[in-house]
Amino acid sequence: MTKEFSPQRLDVKAFAQAGGRLSGHDSLLKYERLAQEAKGLHPDLMVDWEAVGEVRTVLGGMGQVWLHLKVRASFPMECQRCLTPVDVPLEVDRGFRFVADEATAEALDDESEEDLLAMSREFDLRELIEDELLMALPVVPKHEECPTTVALSSSDEDFEEASAQKPNPFAALAALQKGGKPS
């Protein structure tokens, strides 16, 4: 009999010991915090994910609980160059080692190269997926090549015209020093 695992309440240790594998094809709408970041969200946007658990034996015979996560999604954002919609491809491919509790994870975090998480019998895998996708969002989303021509100007004509009409205050000071009258 194979054990059924739920992504909302995952017993991580049992999942790893069983060499478990879960996958999903979820609507982006299921990820509330992620959906709030989207521009032009529509219901057919999907998040494809796969999680694999394993126990790795290290020197000394101790088994370490690992979870490997792969996630792919296309995320709607606004191009910061041309200000039109852009679908940003997001990909996550990471491994996580689980330790006994939060205190142990915090203590080992500085000296460990891998990502450490606290062991749980009710781990929310979808929350981890959402966290990883949020961290994968680009700070400045943009097209590889914008579909419209981007006007590259550093200032507008009204600004240039207004500053050209004002007299230079230092020219007036120079005229006063020479005994003349400021213009």
N, C-alpha and C. Protein backbone atom coordinates (compact mmCIF):
# COMPACT_ATOMS: atom_id res chain seq x y z
N MET A 1 0.84 -1.19 0.00
CA MET A 1 0.00 0.00 0.00
C MET A 1 0.88 1.25 0.00
N THR A 2 0.64 2.16 -0.93
CA THR A 2 1.40 3.40 -0.96
C THR A 2 0.62 4.47 -0.21
N LYS A 3 1.40 5.27 0.50
CA LYS A 3 0.78 6.32 1.31
C LYS A 3 0.48 7.53 0.43
N GLU A 4 -0.67 8.13 0.64
CA GLU A 4 -1.05 9.35 -0.07
C GLU A 4 -0.51 10.55 0.70
N PHE A 5 0.11 11.47 0.00
CA PHE A 5 0.64 12.68 0.62
C PHE A 5 -0.13 13.88 0.10
N SER A 6 -0.37 14.83 0.98
CA SER A 6 -1.09 16.05 0.62
C SER A 6 -0.13 17.23 0.64
N PRO A 7 -0.13 18.06 -0.40
CA PRO A 7 0.77 19.21 -0.41
C PRO A 7 0.42 20.26 0.66
N GLN A 8 -0.82 20.28 1.13
CA GLN A 8 -1.21 21.26 2.15
C GLN A 8 -0.77 20.84 3.55
N ARG A 9 -0.68 19.54 3.78
CA ARG A 9 -0.32 19.03 5.11
C ARG A 9 0.66 17.86 4.92
N LEU A 10 1.87 18.19 4.52
CA LEU A 10 2.86 17.19 4.17
C LEU A 10 3.69 16.77 5.38
N ASP A 11 3.69 15.48 5.69
CA ASP A 11 4.59 14.94 6.71
C ASP A 11 5.93 14.75 5.98
N VAL A 12 6.83 15.71 6.15
CA VAL A 12 8.06 15.77 5.37
C VAL A 12 8.93 14.54 5.59
N LYS A 13 9.08 14.10 6.83
CA LYS A 13 9.94 12.96 7.13
C LYS A 13 9.40 11.68 6.48
N ALA A 14 8.10 11.43 6.62
CA ALA A 14 7.49 10.24 6.01
C ALA A 14 7.58 10.32 4.49
N PHE A 15 7.41 11.53 3.94
CA PHE A 15 7.49 11.74 2.50
C PHE A 15 8.89 11.40 1.99
N ALA A 16 9.92 11.86 2.71
CA ALA A 16 11.30 11.59 2.32
C ALA A 16 11.63 10.11 2.47
N GLN A 17 11.21 9.49 3.57
CA GLN A 17 11.49 8.08 3.81
C GLN A 17 10.84 7.20 2.75
N ALA A 18 9.70 7.61 2.25
CA ALA A 18 8.99 6.85 1.22
C ALA A 18 9.53 7.16 -0.18
N GLY A 19 10.46 8.12 -0.27
CA GLY A 19 10.95 8.55 -1.59
C GLY A 19 9.81 9.13 -2.40
N GLY A 20 8.95 9.88 -1.69
CA GLY A 20 7.73 10.41 -2.29
C GLY A 20 7.95 11.40 -3.42
N ARG A 21 6.94 11.46 -4.26
CA ARG A 21 6.96 12.39 -5.39
C ARG A 21 5.56 12.95 -5.53
N LEU A 22 5.47 14.28 -5.53
CA LEU A 22 4.20 14.97 -5.74
C LEU A 22 4.38 15.95 -6.89
N SER A 23 3.32 16.17 -7.64
CA SER A 23 3.39 17.18 -8.68
C SER A 23 2.02 17.82 -8.81
N GLY A 24 2.01 18.98 -9.41
CA GLY A 24 0.74 19.68 -9.57
C GLY A 24 0.76 20.63 -10.75
N HIS A 25 -0.43 20.95 -11.17
CA HIS A 25 -0.66 21.90 -12.26
C HIS A 25 -1.78 22.80 -11.74
N ASP A 26 -1.37 23.84 -10.96
CA ASP A 26 -2.33 24.68 -10.24
C ASP A 26 -2.56 26.00 -10.97
N SER A 27 -3.74 26.55 -10.77
CA SER A 27 -4.02 27.89 -11.26
C SER A 27 -3.22 28.89 -10.41
N LEU A 28 -2.72 29.91 -11.05
CA LEU A 28 -1.98 30.95 -10.34
C LEU A 28 -2.88 31.63 -9.31
N LEU A 29 -4.19 31.57 -9.51
CA LEU A 29 -5.14 32.18 -8.59
C LEU A 29 -5.13 31.51 -7.20
N LYS A 30 -4.61 30.28 -7.10
CA LYS A 30 -4.52 29.58 -5.81
C LYS A 30 -3.47 30.19 -4.90
N TYR A 31 -2.57 30.97 -5.47
CA TYR A 31 -1.47 31.57 -4.73
C TYR A 31 -1.78 33.05 -4.52
N GLU A 32 -2.45 33.34 -3.43
CA GLU A 32 -3.02 34.67 -3.18
C GLU A 32 -1.98 35.79 -3.16
N ARG A 33 -0.89 35.59 -2.42
CA ARG A 33 0.13 36.66 -2.33
C ARG A 33 0.78 36.89 -3.68
N LEU A 34 1.00 35.83 -4.43
CA LEU A 34 1.60 35.94 -5.75
C LEU A 34 0.65 36.64 -6.72
N ALA A 35 -0.63 36.30 -6.64
CA ALA A 35 -1.64 36.89 -7.52
C ALA A 35 -1.74 38.41 -7.31
N GLN A 36 -1.47 38.87 -6.10
CA GLN A 36 -1.52 40.32 -5.82
C GLN A 36 -0.43 41.08 -6.57
N GLU A 37 0.65 40.40 -6.93
CA GLU A 37 1.76 41.05 -7.63
C GLU A 37 1.55 41.09 -9.14
N ALA A 38 0.58 40.33 -9.63
CA ALA A 38 0.39 40.19 -11.07
C ALA A 38 -0.29 41.41 -11.68
N LYS A 39 0.03 41.68 -12.92
CA LYS A 39 -0.62 42.71 -13.72
C LYS A 39 -1.39 42.00 -14.82
N GLY A 40 -2.71 42.12 -14.81
CA GLY A 40 -3.52 41.48 -15.84
C GLY A 40 -3.66 39.98 -15.64
N LEU A 41 -3.98 39.58 -14.43
CA LEU A 41 -4.11 38.16 -14.10
C LEU A 41 -5.34 37.56 -14.77
N HIS A 42 -5.17 36.41 -15.39
CA HIS A 42 -6.31 35.70 -15.96
C HIS A 42 -6.27 34.24 -15.52
N PRO A 43 -7.44 33.58 -15.45
CA PRO A 43 -7.55 32.27 -14.83
C PRO A 43 -6.80 31.13 -15.51
N ASP A 44 -6.34 31.29 -16.74
CA ASP A 44 -5.64 30.18 -17.39
C ASP A 44 -4.13 30.18 -17.14
N LEU A 45 -3.64 31.09 -16.31
CA LEU A 45 -2.22 31.08 -15.94
C LEU A 45 -1.99 29.94 -14.94
N MET A 46 -0.99 29.13 -15.22
CA MET A 46 -0.78 27.93 -14.41
C MET A 46 0.62 27.91 -13.79
N VAL A 47 0.70 27.20 -12.66
CA VAL A 47 1.97 26.94 -11.97
C VAL A 47 2.17 25.42 -12.02
N ASP A 48 3.24 24.99 -12.66
CA ASP A 48 3.59 23.56 -12.71
C ASP A 48 4.69 23.31 -11.69
N TRP A 49 4.50 22.31 -10.84
CA TRP A 49 5.49 22.04 -9.81
C TRP A 49 5.66 20.55 -9.58
N GLU A 50 6.84 20.21 -9.03
CA GLU A 50 7.13 18.84 -8.67
C GLU A 50 8.02 18.86 -7.42
N ALA A 51 7.69 18.00 -6.47
CA ALA A 51 8.48 17.88 -5.24
C ALA A 51 8.87 16.42 -5.07
N VAL A 52 10.15 16.19 -4.74
CA VAL A 52 10.66 14.85 -4.53
C VAL A 52 11.34 14.82 -3.17
N GLY A 53 10.99 13.82 -2.37
CA GLY A 53 11.60 13.66 -1.05
C GLY A 53 12.62 12.54 -1.05
N GLU A 54 13.66 12.70 -0.25
CA GLU A 54 14.66 11.64 -0.12
C GLU A 54 15.39 11.76 1.22
N VAL A 55 15.94 10.65 1.65
CA VAL A 55 16.78 10.63 2.84
C VAL A 55 18.20 10.37 2.35
N ARG A 56 19.10 11.30 2.63
CA ARG A 56 20.50 11.15 2.23
C ARG A 56 21.31 10.75 3.45
N THR A 57 22.07 9.71 3.31
CA THR A 57 22.92 9.26 4.41
C THR A 57 24.26 9.98 4.31
N VAL A 58 24.67 10.57 5.43
CA VAL A 58 25.93 11.30 5.47
C VAL A 58 26.93 10.52 6.30
N LEU A 59 28.17 10.99 6.31
CA LEU A 59 29.22 10.36 7.09
C LEU A 59 28.77 10.22 8.54
N GLY A 60 28.90 9.07 9.09
CA GLY A 60 28.46 8.85 10.47
C GLY A 60 27.13 8.13 10.52
N GLY A 61 26.52 7.87 9.36
CA GLY A 61 25.30 7.09 9.31
C GLY A 61 24.01 7.84 9.56
N MET A 62 24.08 9.12 9.84
CA MET A 62 22.85 9.90 10.08
C MET A 62 22.15 10.18 8.75
N GLY A 63 20.86 10.03 8.75
CA GLY A 63 20.08 10.32 7.54
C GLY A 63 19.56 11.74 7.58
N GLN A 64 19.71 12.45 6.47
CA GLN A 64 19.20 13.81 6.36
C GLN A 64 17.98 13.80 5.45
N VAL A 65 16.94 14.52 5.88
CA VAL A 65 15.71 14.61 5.12
C VAL A 65 15.83 15.78 4.13
N TRP A 66 15.60 15.47 2.86
CA TRP A 66 15.71 16.46 1.80
C TRP A 66 14.42 16.52 0.98
N LEU A 67 14.16 17.70 0.47
CA LEU A 67 13.03 17.90 -0.44
C LEU A 67 13.57 18.70 -1.62
N HIS A 68 13.38 18.17 -2.82
CA HIS A 68 13.81 18.89 -4.02
C HIS A 68 12.56 19.43 -4.72
N LEU A 69 12.59 20.72 -5.02
CA LEU A 69 11.42 21.39 -5.58
C LEU A 69 11.76 22.00 -6.94
N LYS A 70 10.90 21.72 -7.92
CA LYS A 70 11.00 22.34 -9.25
C LYS A 70 9.66 23.01 -9.54
N VAL A 71 9.72 24.27 -9.96
CA VAL A 71 8.50 25.03 -10.24
C VAL A 71 8.72 25.83 -11.52
N ARG A 72 7.67 25.89 -12.35
CA ARG A 72 7.69 26.71 -13.57
C ARG A 72 6.37 27.44 -13.67
N ALA A 73 6.46 28.70 -14.06
CA ALA A 73 5.25 29.51 -14.25
C ALA A 73 5.57 30.66 -15.19
N SER A 74 4.55 31.19 -15.81
CA SER A 74 4.66 32.40 -16.60
C SER A 74 3.84 33.45 -15.86
N PHE A 75 4.48 34.56 -15.54
CA PHE A 75 3.86 35.52 -14.64
C PHE A 75 3.66 36.87 -15.33
N PRO A 76 2.43 37.42 -15.32
CA PRO A 76 2.17 38.70 -15.99
C PRO A 76 2.65 39.89 -15.15
N MET A 77 3.47 40.72 -15.76
CA MET A 77 3.98 41.93 -15.09
C MET A 77 3.95 43.08 -16.09
N GLU A 78 4.44 44.24 -15.65
CA GLU A 78 4.51 45.40 -16.54
C GLU A 78 5.97 45.71 -16.82
N CYS A 79 6.30 45.77 -18.11
CA CYS A 79 7.66 46.09 -18.52
C CYS A 79 8.02 47.49 -18.03
N GLN A 80 9.14 47.61 -17.38
CA GLN A 80 9.55 48.90 -16.83
C GLN A 80 10.21 49.80 -17.87
N ARG A 81 10.41 49.27 -19.06
CA ARG A 81 11.00 50.07 -20.12
C ARG A 81 9.93 50.69 -21.00
N CYS A 82 8.94 49.88 -21.42
CA CYS A 82 7.91 50.40 -22.35
C CYS A 82 6.53 50.49 -21.71
N LEU A 83 6.40 50.03 -20.45
CA LEU A 83 5.16 50.10 -19.68
C LEU A 83 4.00 49.35 -20.33
N THR A 84 4.30 48.27 -21.04
CA THR A 84 3.27 47.39 -21.59
C THR A 84 3.38 46.04 -20.88
N PRO A 85 2.34 45.20 -20.98
CA PRO A 85 2.39 43.89 -20.30
C PRO A 85 3.51 43.00 -20.84
N VAL A 86 4.11 42.25 -19.92
CA VAL A 86 5.15 41.28 -20.28
C VAL A 86 4.93 40.03 -19.42
N ASP A 87 4.98 38.85 -20.06
CA ASP A 87 4.90 37.60 -19.31
C ASP A 87 6.31 37.17 -18.97
N VAL A 88 6.60 37.11 -17.68
CA VAL A 88 7.93 36.79 -17.20
C VAL A 88 7.98 35.30 -16.85
N PRO A 89 8.89 34.54 -17.48
CA PRO A 89 9.01 33.13 -17.11
C PRO A 89 9.72 33.00 -15.76
N LEU A 90 9.13 32.23 -14.85
CA LEU A 90 9.72 31.99 -13.54
C LEU A 90 10.09 30.52 -13.42
N GLU A 91 11.28 30.25 -12.92
CA GLU A 91 11.72 28.87 -12.71
C GLU A 91 12.43 28.77 -11.37
N VAL A 92 12.09 27.72 -10.63
CA VAL A 92 12.72 27.44 -9.36
C VAL A 92 13.19 25.99 -9.42
N ASP A 93 14.42 25.74 -9.00
CA ASP A 93 14.97 24.39 -8.94
C ASP A 93 15.89 24.36 -7.73
N ARG A 94 15.34 23.97 -6.57
CA ARG A 94 16.10 24.06 -5.32
C ARG A 94 15.89 22.84 -4.44
N GLY A 95 16.91 22.60 -3.63
CA GLY A 95 16.84 21.54 -2.65
C GLY A 95 16.80 22.15 -1.26
N PHE A 96 16.05 21.52 -0.36
CA PHE A 96 15.93 21.99 1.01
C PHE A 96 16.24 20.82 1.95
N ARG A 97 17.06 21.09 2.96
CA ARG A 97 17.34 20.08 3.98
C ARG A 97 16.52 20.42 5.20
N PHE A 98 15.88 19.42 5.75
CA PHE A 98 15.04 19.62 6.93
C PHE A 98 15.78 19.19 8.18
N VAL A 99 15.68 20.04 9.22
CA VAL A 99 16.30 19.76 10.51
C VAL A 99 15.20 19.71 11.57
N ALA A 100 15.59 19.31 12.78
CA ALA A 100 14.62 19.02 13.85
C ALA A 100 13.65 20.16 14.14
N ASP A 101 14.15 21.41 14.25
CA ASP A 101 13.27 22.52 14.63
C ASP A 101 13.85 23.85 14.17
N GLU A 102 13.10 24.92 14.42
CA GLU A 102 13.51 26.27 14.00
C GLU A 102 14.85 26.68 14.63
N ALA A 103 15.04 26.36 15.91
CA ALA A 103 16.28 26.74 16.61
C ALA A 103 17.49 26.09 15.95
N THR A 104 17.37 24.82 15.59
CA THR A 104 18.47 24.12 14.92
C THR A 104 18.72 24.73 13.54
N ALA A 105 17.67 25.04 12.81
CA ALA A 105 17.81 25.66 11.49
C ALA A 105 18.53 26.99 11.60
N GLU A 106 18.15 27.78 12.59
CA GLU A 106 18.77 29.09 12.79
C GLU A 106 20.24 28.95 13.17
N ALA A 107 20.55 27.98 14.05
CA ALA A 107 21.92 27.78 14.51
C ALA A 107 22.84 27.31 13.39
N LEU A 108 22.33 26.46 12.50
CA LEU A 108 23.14 25.89 11.42
C LEU A 108 23.15 26.74 10.15
N ASP A 109 22.28 27.72 10.07
CA ASP A 109 22.10 28.50 8.85
C ASP A 109 23.37 29.18 8.36
N ASP A 110 24.13 29.80 9.25
CA ASP A 110 25.32 30.55 8.83
C ASP A 110 26.41 29.66 8.25
N GLU A 111 26.56 28.45 8.79
CA GLU A 111 27.63 27.57 8.33
C GLU A 111 27.20 26.60 7.25
N SER A 112 25.94 26.62 6.89
CA SER A 112 25.42 25.67 5.92
C SER A 112 25.21 26.32 4.56
N GLU A 113 25.59 25.59 3.50
CA GLU A 113 25.40 26.11 2.15
C GLU A 113 24.00 25.86 1.63
N GLU A 114 23.34 24.82 2.13
CA GLU A 114 22.00 24.50 1.66
C GLU A 114 20.95 25.28 2.44
N ASP A 115 19.75 25.31 1.87
CA ASP A 115 18.63 25.96 2.54
C ASP A 115 18.07 25.01 3.59
N LEU A 116 17.92 25.51 4.81
CA LEU A 116 17.44 24.70 5.92
C LEU A 116 16.02 25.11 6.31
N LEU A 117 15.20 24.11 6.54
CA LEU A 117 13.83 24.34 7.00
C LEU A 117 13.56 23.43 8.20
N ALA A 118 12.63 23.84 9.03
CA ALA A 118 12.28 23.04 10.21
C ALA A 118 11.34 21.90 9.81
N MET A 119 11.60 20.74 10.39
CA MET A 119 10.78 19.55 10.14
C MET A 119 9.35 19.80 10.62
N SER A 120 8.41 19.26 9.87
CA SER A 120 7.01 19.42 10.24
C SER A 120 6.21 18.22 9.74
N ARG A 121 5.18 17.88 10.50
CA ARG A 121 4.28 16.81 10.05
C ARG A 121 3.12 17.40 9.26
N GLU A 122 3.02 18.73 9.27
CA GLU A 122 1.95 19.41 8.53
C GLU A 122 2.53 20.57 7.73
N PHE A 123 3.55 20.28 6.96
CA PHE A 123 4.24 21.28 6.15
C PHE A 123 3.37 21.66 4.96
N ASP A 124 3.24 22.97 4.71
CA ASP A 124 2.44 23.46 3.58
C ASP A 124 3.36 23.67 2.37
N LEU A 125 3.37 22.69 1.50
CA LEU A 125 4.23 22.73 0.32
C LEU A 125 3.85 23.88 -0.62
N ARG A 126 2.56 24.17 -0.75
CA ARG A 126 2.13 25.26 -1.63
C ARG A 126 2.62 26.61 -1.12
N GLU A 127 2.72 26.76 0.19
CA GLU A 127 3.25 28.01 0.75
C GLU A 127 4.73 28.16 0.38
N LEU A 128 5.49 27.07 0.43
CA LEU A 128 6.90 27.10 0.01
C LEU A 128 7.00 27.44 -1.48
N ILE A 129 6.14 26.85 -2.29
CA ILE A 129 6.13 27.14 -3.73
C ILE A 129 5.88 28.63 -3.95
N GLU A 130 4.90 29.17 -3.24
CA GLU A 130 4.57 30.59 -3.39
C GLU A 130 5.73 31.47 -2.94
N ASP A 131 6.36 31.14 -1.82
CA ASP A 131 7.52 31.90 -1.33
C ASP A 131 8.64 31.92 -2.36
N GLU A 132 8.92 30.76 -2.93
CA GLU A 132 10.01 30.66 -3.91
C GLU A 132 9.69 31.44 -5.19
N LEU A 133 8.44 31.41 -5.63
CA LEU A 133 8.07 32.18 -6.81
C LEU A 133 8.13 33.68 -6.54
N LEU A 134 7.72 34.10 -5.36
CA LEU A 134 7.81 35.52 -5.00
C LEU A 134 9.27 35.98 -5.01
N MET A 135 10.17 35.14 -4.51
CA MET A 135 11.59 35.51 -4.51
C MET A 135 12.19 35.48 -5.91
N ALA A 136 11.57 34.72 -6.82
CA ALA A 136 12.08 34.64 -8.18
C ALA A 136 11.60 35.79 -9.07
N LEU A 137 10.64 36.58 -8.60
CA LEU A 137 10.14 37.70 -9.40
C LEU A 137 11.26 38.70 -9.64
N PRO A 138 11.40 39.19 -10.86
CA PRO A 138 12.44 40.20 -11.12
C PRO A 138 12.06 41.54 -10.49
N VAL A 139 13.06 42.25 -10.03
CA VAL A 139 12.84 43.57 -9.44
C VAL A 139 12.41 44.54 -10.54
N VAL A 140 13.04 44.42 -11.71
CA VAL A 140 12.72 45.28 -12.84
C VAL A 140 12.34 44.39 -14.03
N PRO A 141 11.05 44.06 -14.15
CA PRO A 141 10.65 43.22 -15.28
C PRO A 141 10.72 44.00 -16.59
N LYS A 142 11.18 43.32 -17.65
CA LYS A 142 11.23 43.98 -18.96
C LYS A 142 11.27 42.94 -20.06
N HIS A 143 10.84 43.36 -21.24
CA HIS A 143 10.90 42.51 -22.42
C HIS A 143 12.37 42.34 -22.82
N GLU A 144 12.66 41.23 -23.49
CA GLU A 144 13.98 41.09 -24.10
C GLU A 144 14.13 42.18 -25.16
N GLU A 145 13.05 42.33 -25.95
CA GLU A 145 12.98 43.38 -26.95
C GLU A 145 11.56 43.93 -26.90
N CYS A 146 11.41 45.17 -26.55
CA CYS A 146 10.09 45.77 -26.38
C CYS A 146 9.32 45.79 -27.71
N PRO A 147 7.99 45.52 -27.67
CA PRO A 147 7.19 45.50 -28.90
C PRO A 147 6.95 46.89 -29.49
N THR A 148 7.11 47.92 -28.68
CA THR A 148 6.94 49.29 -29.16
C THR A 148 8.25 50.03 -28.99
N THR A 149 8.42 51.08 -29.78
CA THR A 149 9.63 51.89 -29.66
C THR A 149 9.55 52.71 -28.38
N VAL A 150 10.63 52.70 -27.63
CA VAL A 150 10.67 53.42 -26.37
C VAL A 150 11.34 54.76 -26.61
N ALA A 151 10.61 55.84 -26.28
CA ALA A 151 11.18 57.18 -26.42
C ALA A 151 12.17 57.40 -25.29
N LEU A 152 13.41 57.62 -25.65
CA LEU A 152 14.44 57.82 -24.64
C LEU A 152 14.79 59.29 -24.56
N SER A 153 14.15 60.01 -23.65
CA SER A 153 14.49 61.41 -23.45
C SER A 153 14.61 61.66 -21.96
N SER A 154 15.57 62.51 -21.63
CA SER A 154 15.84 62.74 -20.21
C SER A 154 14.97 63.84 -19.62
N SER A 155 14.41 64.70 -20.45
CA SER A 155 13.54 65.75 -19.94
C SER A 155 12.55 66.13 -21.04
N ASP A 156 11.53 66.86 -20.64
CA ASP A 156 10.55 67.24 -21.65
C ASP A 156 10.80 68.68 -22.11
N GLU A 157 10.16 69.08 -23.21
CA GLU A 157 10.39 70.39 -23.82
C GLU A 157 9.93 71.53 -22.90
N ASP A 158 8.83 71.33 -22.19
CA ASP A 158 8.32 72.38 -21.29
C ASP A 158 9.35 72.71 -20.21
N PHE A 159 10.01 71.69 -19.70
CA PHE A 159 11.02 71.90 -18.66
C PHE A 159 12.19 72.70 -19.23
N GLU A 160 12.66 72.31 -20.41
CA GLU A 160 13.79 72.99 -21.04
C GLU A 160 13.44 74.45 -21.33
N GLU A 161 12.23 74.71 -21.81
CA GLU A 161 11.80 76.06 -22.14
C GLU A 161 11.72 76.93 -20.89
N ALA A 162 11.18 76.40 -19.81
CA ALA A 162 11.04 77.16 -18.57
C ALA A 162 12.40 77.53 -17.98
N SER A 163 13.36 76.60 -18.05
CA SER A 163 14.67 76.91 -17.48
C SER A 163 15.46 77.86 -18.38
N ALA A 164 15.17 77.91 -19.67
CA ALA A 164 15.87 78.83 -20.58
C ALA A 164 15.39 80.26 -20.38
N GLN A 165 14.16 80.46 -19.94
CA GLN A 165 13.60 81.79 -19.76
C GLN A 165 14.10 82.46 -18.48
N LYS A 166 14.50 81.72 -17.50
CA LYS A 166 14.93 82.31 -16.22
C LYS A 166 16.34 82.88 -16.36
N PRO A 167 16.57 84.07 -15.81
CA PRO A 167 17.92 84.63 -15.85
C PRO A 167 18.82 83.89 -14.87
N ASN A 168 20.06 83.82 -15.22
CA ASN A 168 21.04 83.16 -14.36
C ASN A 168 21.31 84.06 -13.16
N PRO A 169 21.07 83.60 -11.92
CA PRO A 169 21.28 84.44 -10.75
C PRO A 169 22.74 84.82 -10.56
N PHE A 170 23.65 84.03 -11.03
CA PHE A 170 25.07 84.35 -10.86
C PHE A 170 25.52 85.43 -11.85
N ALA A 171 24.84 85.51 -12.98
CA ALA A 171 25.15 86.57 -13.94
C ALA A 171 24.75 87.92 -13.34
N ALA A 172 23.64 87.95 -12.61
CA ALA A 172 23.20 89.18 -11.96
C ALA A 172 24.19 89.58 -10.88
N LEU A 173 24.71 88.65 -10.14
CA LEU A 173 25.71 88.94 -9.10
C LEU A 173 27.01 89.48 -9.72
N ALA A 174 27.40 88.87 -10.82
CA ALA A 174 28.63 89.32 -11.50
C ALA A 174 28.47 90.75 -11.98
N ALA A 175 27.30 91.10 -12.47
CA ALA A 175 27.05 92.45 -12.94
C ALA A 175 27.10 93.45 -11.78
N LEU A 176 26.57 93.07 -10.61
CA LEU A 176 26.63 93.94 -9.43
C LEU A 176 28.07 94.17 -8.99
N GLN A 177 28.91 93.14 -9.05
CA GLN A 177 30.30 93.29 -8.65
C GLN A 177 31.07 94.23 -9.57
N LYS A 178 30.69 94.27 -10.82
CA LYS A 178 31.38 95.12 -11.78
C LYS A 178 30.84 96.54 -11.74
N GLY A 179 29.84 96.78 -10.89
CA GLY A 179 29.29 98.11 -10.75
C GLY A 179 28.17 98.39 -11.76
N GLY A 180 27.81 97.39 -12.46
CA GLY A 180 26.75 97.56 -13.42
C GLY A 180 25.41 97.24 -12.82
N LYS A 181 24.44 97.30 -13.65
CA LYS A 181 23.09 97.02 -13.21
C LYS A 181 22.71 95.59 -13.64
N PRO A 182 22.09 94.81 -12.73
CA PRO A 182 21.69 93.45 -13.14
C PRO A 182 20.59 93.51 -14.20
N SER A 183 20.61 92.56 -15.10
CA SER A 183 19.62 92.56 -16.17
C SER A 183 18.38 91.80 -15.77
